[in-house]
């Protein structure tokens, strides 16, 4: 319902075009009060192994530029492109910067082997000789940086505040455990969704009122990470945006300013508005299953 009616009609009204079919509805009011709409879903952030969360939020650009600005890089005339695994230059050309070789099998699953030339490090040896001095005097090359978790990278890059600022957003959305160079194809739907949230927290335009639509963002999240997610929602709201969340997690529902409870059952017996209002108002509705269980959470 949210996808093919609300989101679709808003996209059509705000951007003038929407290719998907829009569900039947009478009217949509109040759309003039927002400037844009963004669906933060669980679709992958990239379809190839070259995509990763750090490139998605543009943090890897600054990391490569920092390597290129080192004294040794300038002596060897290495520019930032030499530290990219996506273009020719400093990457290993045997595996084209992937670190692995894929052998396609006709009747069996493809075989993935570590690249014998770079030993899985993705880069040529002369590029790996360039190292940055990080926190506590530790030196690491670009391949070693890609093997760090986001949290480890935040600690290493303390002397480089621009990089830390970018990476910290990934930790803020609960993704500090991911590897810096981790392929987007290995991320779960919930992880991809939070990477998109990190992107919008980083690149939100000043003065632009955007409606962000989230579809079950707490799926697979630890309780501790749910609290991080709620803080990120607060940051988007502080920047003048609005948030619509499709959710069943009571810890999220109890924090809502306004609830639209659909039901009362599933399938043909569902899809009706049971009750609307603040959490305190919803728990007073005897026909609402949400209100019944929400009452226990609010009374804690």
Protein backbone atom coordinates (compact mmCIF):
# COMPACT_ATOMS: atom_id res chain seq x y z
CA UNK A 1 0.00 0.00 0.00
CA UNK A 2 2.71 2.48 0.99
CA UNK A 3 4.88 1.58 -2.00
CA UNK A 4 2.37 1.61 -4.82
CA UNK A 5 0.05 4.36 -3.54
CA UNK A 6 1.66 6.92 -1.25
CA UNK A 7 5.25 6.73 -2.50
CA UNK A 8 4.28 6.34 -6.15
CA UNK A 9 1.81 9.22 -6.20
CA UNK A 10 4.23 11.49 -4.29
CA UNK A 11 7.02 10.72 -6.78
CA UNK A 12 4.69 11.49 -9.67
CA UNK A 13 3.49 14.75 -8.16
CA UNK A 14 6.91 15.97 -6.99
CA UNK A 15 9.08 14.76 -9.87
CA UNK A 16 6.56 14.61 -12.70
CA UNK A 17 7.11 10.96 -13.58
CA UNK A 18 6.83 7.49 -12.06
CA UNK A 19 7.11 4.36 -14.18
CA UNK A 20 5.53 1.85 -11.79
CA UNK A 21 1.80 1.26 -11.47
CA UNK A 22 0.14 3.39 -8.80
CA UNK A 23 -2.61 1.77 -6.74
CA UNK A 24 -6.17 3.03 -6.76
CA UNK A 25 -6.98 5.83 -4.32
CA UNK A 26 -9.25 8.84 -4.13
CA UNK A 27 -6.79 11.65 -3.43
CA UNK A 28 -3.51 12.62 -1.79
CA UNK A 29 -3.52 15.77 0.29
CA UNK A 30 -0.73 17.84 1.81
CA UNK A 31 1.94 16.79 -0.69
CA UNK A 32 2.72 20.47 -1.36
CA UNK A 33 4.28 20.67 2.12
CA UNK A 34 7.32 18.56 1.17
CA UNK A 35 10.06 18.99 -1.43
CA UNK A 36 11.01 15.35 -2.02
CA UNK A 37 10.27 11.77 -1.01
CA UNK A 38 12.77 8.95 -0.49
CA UNK A 39 11.98 5.26 0.00
CA UNK A 40 14.66 3.70 2.22
CA UNK A 41 14.04 0.05 1.41
CA UNK A 42 16.08 -3.14 1.73
CA UNK A 43 17.12 -3.43 -1.92
CA UNK A 44 20.89 -3.90 -2.47
CA UNK A 45 23.07 -0.78 -2.70
CA UNK A 46 25.08 -2.34 -5.52
CA UNK A 47 24.87 -5.35 -7.83
CA UNK A 48 28.61 -6.00 -8.19
CA UNK A 49 31.32 -7.08 -5.73
CA UNK A 50 33.08 -3.74 -6.35
CA UNK A 51 30.40 -1.79 -4.50
CA UNK A 52 30.76 -1.38 -0.74
CA UNK A 53 29.31 0.83 2.02
CA UNK A 54 32.37 3.10 2.20
CA UNK A 55 32.31 3.90 -1.52
CA UNK A 56 28.53 4.39 -1.34
CA UNK A 57 28.82 7.21 1.23
CA UNK A 58 31.88 8.67 -0.59
CA UNK A 59 34.23 8.04 2.35
CA UNK A 60 36.67 6.04 0.21
CA UNK A 61 37.23 9.09 -2.01
CA UNK A 62 38.72 11.00 0.94
CA UNK A 63 40.78 7.98 2.03
CA UNK A 64 42.30 7.67 -1.46
CA UNK A 65 43.01 11.40 -1.60
CA UNK A 66 44.74 11.22 1.77
CA UNK A 67 47.01 8.43 0.52
CA UNK A 68 47.76 10.44 -2.64
CA UNK A 69 48.79 13.46 -0.54
CA UNK A 70 51.48 11.52 1.33
CA UNK A 71 55.12 12.41 0.66
CA UNK A 72 55.92 8.97 -0.80
CA UNK A 73 52.93 9.10 -3.18
CA UNK A 74 53.97 12.50 -4.49
CA UNK A 75 57.52 11.23 -5.01
CA UNK A 76 56.15 8.37 -7.13
CA UNK A 77 53.57 10.59 -8.86
CA UNK A 78 50.70 8.47 -7.54
CA UNK A 79 47.38 10.31 -7.74
CA UNK A 80 44.19 9.23 -5.92
CA UNK A 81 43.13 6.95 -8.80
CA UNK A 82 46.13 4.72 -8.06
CA UNK A 83 44.44 3.75 -4.79
CA UNK A 84 41.18 2.73 -6.45
CA UNK A 85 40.45 -0.94 -7.13
CA UNK A 86 37.90 0.01 -9.80
CA UNK A 87 40.14 1.58 -12.45
CA UNK A 88 43.51 0.65 -13.99
CA UNK A 89 46.56 2.18 -12.36
CA UNK A 90 47.54 0.86 -8.98
CA UNK A 91 45.18 -2.06 -8.81
CA UNK A 92 46.24 -5.62 -9.60
CA UNK A 93 45.34 -6.20 -13.23
CA UNK A 94 45.32 -9.99 -12.93
CA UNK A 95 42.17 -9.88 -10.77
CA UNK A 96 41.23 -6.30 -11.77
CA UNK A 97 41.21 -5.18 -8.15
CA UNK A 98 38.86 -7.82 -6.78
CA UNK A 99 41.53 -9.88 -5.01
CA UNK A 100 40.03 -13.09 -6.36
CA UNK A 101 39.79 -15.03 -9.61
CA UNK A 102 36.44 -16.55 -10.60
CA UNK A 103 36.54 -19.77 -12.59
CA UNK A 104 33.22 -20.37 -14.30
CA UNK A 105 32.08 -24.00 -14.27
CA UNK A 106 29.60 -25.28 -16.81
CA UNK A 107 27.57 -27.66 -14.63
CA UNK A 108 28.76 -26.67 -11.15
CA UNK A 109 28.93 -23.54 -9.00
CA UNK A 110 31.68 -21.10 -9.98
CA UNK A 111 34.97 -21.52 -8.14
CA UNK A 112 36.42 -18.45 -6.40
CA UNK A 113 40.18 -18.50 -5.81
CA UNK A 114 42.53 -15.98 -4.22
CA UNK A 115 44.49 -14.07 -6.85
CA UNK A 116 48.00 -15.57 -7.06
CA UNK A 117 49.53 -12.26 -8.22
CA UNK A 118 48.40 -9.95 -5.39
CA UNK A 119 47.54 -12.68 -2.84
CA UNK A 120 44.11 -11.14 -2.35
CA UNK A 121 45.44 -7.65 -1.58
CA UNK A 122 43.89 -6.09 -4.74
CA UNK A 123 46.82 -3.75 -5.48
CA UNK A 124 50.27 -3.78 -7.06
CA UNK A 125 53.25 -4.09 -4.74
CA UNK A 126 54.50 -0.52 -5.29
CA UNK A 127 51.10 0.86 -4.18
CA UNK A 128 51.15 -1.35 -1.09
CA UNK A 129 54.47 0.21 -0.12
CA UNK A 130 52.64 3.51 0.51
CA UNK A 131 51.48 3.63 4.11
CA UNK A 132 49.61 6.17 6.20
CA UNK A 133 50.50 6.89 9.78
CA UNK A 134 47.37 6.51 11.85
CA UNK A 135 46.48 6.75 15.51
CA UNK A 136 49.08 5.48 18.02
CA UNK A 137 51.77 5.74 15.30
CA UNK A 138 50.51 2.67 13.43
CA UNK A 139 51.24 2.53 9.67
CA UNK A 140 48.90 0.78 7.21
CA UNK A 141 48.64 0.47 3.43
CA UNK A 142 45.42 0.75 1.44
CA UNK A 143 44.79 -3.00 1.44
CA UNK A 144 45.16 -3.17 5.22
CA UNK A 145 42.69 -0.29 5.54
CA UNK A 146 40.11 -2.24 3.52
CA UNK A 147 40.46 -5.16 5.96
CA UNK A 148 39.62 -3.02 9.00
CA UNK A 149 36.15 -2.86 10.46
CA UNK A 150 34.49 0.56 10.35
CA UNK A 151 35.06 0.95 14.11
CA UNK A 152 38.73 0.02 13.77
CA UNK A 153 39.07 2.49 10.89
CA UNK A 154 37.50 5.27 12.97
CA UNK A 155 40.16 4.66 15.63
CA UNK A 156 42.99 4.46 13.08
CA UNK A 157 41.98 7.67 11.28
CA UNK A 158 41.69 9.85 14.40
CA UNK A 159 44.42 12.18 13.03
CA UNK A 160 42.23 12.67 9.92
CA UNK A 161 38.94 14.22 11.12
CA UNK A 162 37.38 14.47 7.62
CA UNK A 163 37.63 10.69 7.21
CA UNK A 164 36.39 10.01 10.74
CA UNK A 165 33.34 12.22 10.17
CA UNK A 166 32.34 10.14 7.15
CA UNK A 167 32.99 6.74 8.73
CA UNK A 168 31.34 7.65 12.02
CA UNK A 169 27.96 7.88 10.29
CA UNK A 170 28.13 4.16 9.45
CA UNK A 171 28.75 3.40 13.12
CA UNK A 172 25.89 5.71 14.09
CA UNK A 173 23.45 3.55 12.11
CA UNK A 174 24.79 0.37 13.73
CA UNK A 175 27.21 -0.81 11.04
CA UNK A 176 30.51 -0.37 12.87
CA UNK A 177 31.20 -4.10 12.57
CA UNK A 178 31.34 -4.10 8.74
CA UNK A 179 34.69 -4.32 6.96
CA UNK A 180 35.69 -1.14 5.14
CA UNK A 181 36.10 -3.06 1.89
CA UNK A 182 33.19 -5.45 2.40
CA UNK A 183 31.30 -6.15 -0.81
CA UNK A 184 27.76 -4.79 -1.06
CA UNK A 185 26.65 -8.18 -2.38
CA UNK A 186 27.30 -9.71 1.07
CA UNK A 187 25.06 -7.25 2.94
CA UNK A 188 21.66 -8.24 4.28
CA UNK A 189 18.58 -6.24 3.36
CA UNK A 190 18.60 -4.48 6.73
CA UNK A 191 22.28 -3.58 6.37
CA UNK A 192 21.71 -2.15 2.89
CA UNK A 193 18.83 -0.11 4.26
CA UNK A 194 21.02 1.38 7.00
CA UNK A 195 23.78 2.22 4.50
CA UNK A 196 21.19 4.24 2.57
CA UNK A 197 20.20 5.95 5.82
CA UNK A 198 23.88 6.80 6.43
CA UNK A 199 24.07 8.30 2.93
CA UNK A 200 21.11 10.60 3.54
CA UNK A 201 22.42 11.63 6.95
CA UNK A 202 25.66 12.62 5.20
CA UNK A 203 24.30 14.34 2.10
CA UNK A 204 20.98 15.81 3.23
CA UNK A 205 20.48 19.18 1.53
CA UNK A 206 20.05 22.14 3.87
CA UNK A 207 16.57 23.62 3.84
CA UNK A 208 15.07 20.72 1.86
CA UNK A 209 12.03 19.07 3.46
CA UNK A 210 12.09 15.39 2.52
CA UNK A 211 9.66 12.68 3.54
CA UNK A 212 11.65 9.51 4.28
CA UNK A 213 9.71 6.25 4.09
CA UNK A 214 11.21 3.27 5.94
CA UNK A 215 9.94 -0.29 5.45
CA UNK A 216 10.54 -2.46 8.57
CA UNK A 217 13.95 -0.91 9.40
CA UNK A 218 14.43 -2.92 12.62
CA UNK A 219 14.42 -6.31 10.87
CA UNK A 220 17.32 -8.34 12.30
CA UNK A 221 18.51 -5.52 14.55
CA UNK A 222 19.81 -6.05 18.09
CA UNK A 223 17.99 -4.06 20.79
CA UNK A 224 21.05 -1.82 21.22
CA UNK A 225 21.07 -1.00 17.49
CA UNK A 226 17.36 -0.09 17.56
CA UNK A 227 18.22 2.77 19.91
CA UNK A 228 20.92 3.89 17.45
CA UNK A 229 18.36 3.80 14.64
CA UNK A 230 15.97 6.00 16.62
CA UNK A 231 18.75 8.55 17.20
CA UNK A 232 19.33 8.68 13.43
CA UNK A 233 15.62 9.29 12.90
CA UNK A 234 15.89 12.20 15.34
CA UNK A 235 18.79 13.65 13.35
CA UNK A 236 16.75 13.58 10.13
CA UNK A 237 13.83 15.27 11.89
CA UNK A 238 16.12 17.93 13.39
CA UNK A 239 17.20 18.77 9.84
CA UNK A 240 13.60 19.62 8.96
CA UNK A 241 12.49 16.31 7.45
CA UNK A 242 9.55 14.00 8.12
CA UNK A 243 9.64 10.23 8.63
CA UNK A 244 7.06 7.56 7.90
CA UNK A 245 7.91 4.12 9.28
CA UNK A 246 6.17 0.84 8.47
CA UNK A 247 6.98 -1.10 11.62
CA UNK A 248 5.87 -3.77 14.11
CA UNK A 249 8.61 -3.21 16.68
CA UNK A 250 6.93 -1.79 19.80
CA UNK A 251 10.09 0.04 20.89
CA UNK A 252 9.86 2.08 17.69
CA UNK A 253 6.07 2.43 17.73
CA UNK A 254 6.04 3.87 21.25
CA UNK A 255 8.36 6.69 20.09
CA UNK A 256 6.07 7.74 17.23
CA UNK A 257 4.41 11.15 17.21
CA UNK A 258 1.40 9.69 15.38
CA UNK A 259 0.30 6.11 14.70
CA UNK A 260 -1.94 4.76 11.92
CA UNK A 261 -2.97 1.26 13.01
CA UNK A 262 -4.15 -0.91 10.12
CA UNK A 263 -6.02 -4.16 10.60
CA UNK A 264 -7.71 -5.57 12.49
CA UNK A 265 -6.66 -8.92 10.98
CA UNK A 266 -4.52 -9.97 8.01
CA UNK A 267 -5.48 -10.67 4.39
CA UNK A 268 -9.09 -9.91 3.47
CA UNK A 269 -9.84 -9.06 7.10
CA UNK A 270 -7.16 -6.38 7.21
CA UNK A 271 -6.25 -3.11 5.55
CA UNK A 272 -8.77 -1.04 7.51
CA UNK A 273 -7.87 1.87 9.77
CA UNK A 274 -8.49 0.62 13.30
CA UNK A 275 -7.31 3.71 15.18
CA UNK A 276 -5.11 6.75 14.69
CA UNK A 277 -3.40 9.08 17.12
CA UNK A 278 -0.59 9.31 19.63
CA UNK A 279 0.60 6.13 21.41
CA UNK A 280 -1.36 7.24 24.48
CA UNK A 281 -4.53 7.51 22.37
CA UNK A 282 -4.01 4.21 20.52
CA UNK A 283 -3.79 2.13 23.72
CA UNK A 284 -7.33 3.24 24.63
CA UNK A 285 -8.82 1.55 21.56
CA UNK A 286 -10.06 -1.92 22.60
CA UNK A 287 -10.18 -3.22 19.00
CA UNK A 288 -6.50 -2.49 18.37
CA UNK A 289 -4.04 -5.35 18.77
CA UNK A 290 -1.24 -2.81 18.55
CA UNK A 291 -2.77 -0.81 21.37
CA UNK A 292 -3.13 -3.93 23.52
CA UNK A 293 0.58 -4.78 23.38
CA UNK A 294 1.73 -1.17 23.25
CA UNK A 295 0.06 -0.56 26.60
CA UNK A 296 2.50 -2.97 28.28
CA UNK A 297 5.50 -1.20 26.76
CA UNK A 298 4.32 2.32 27.63
CA UNK A 299 3.60 1.34 31.23
CA UNK A 300 7.16 0.11 31.84
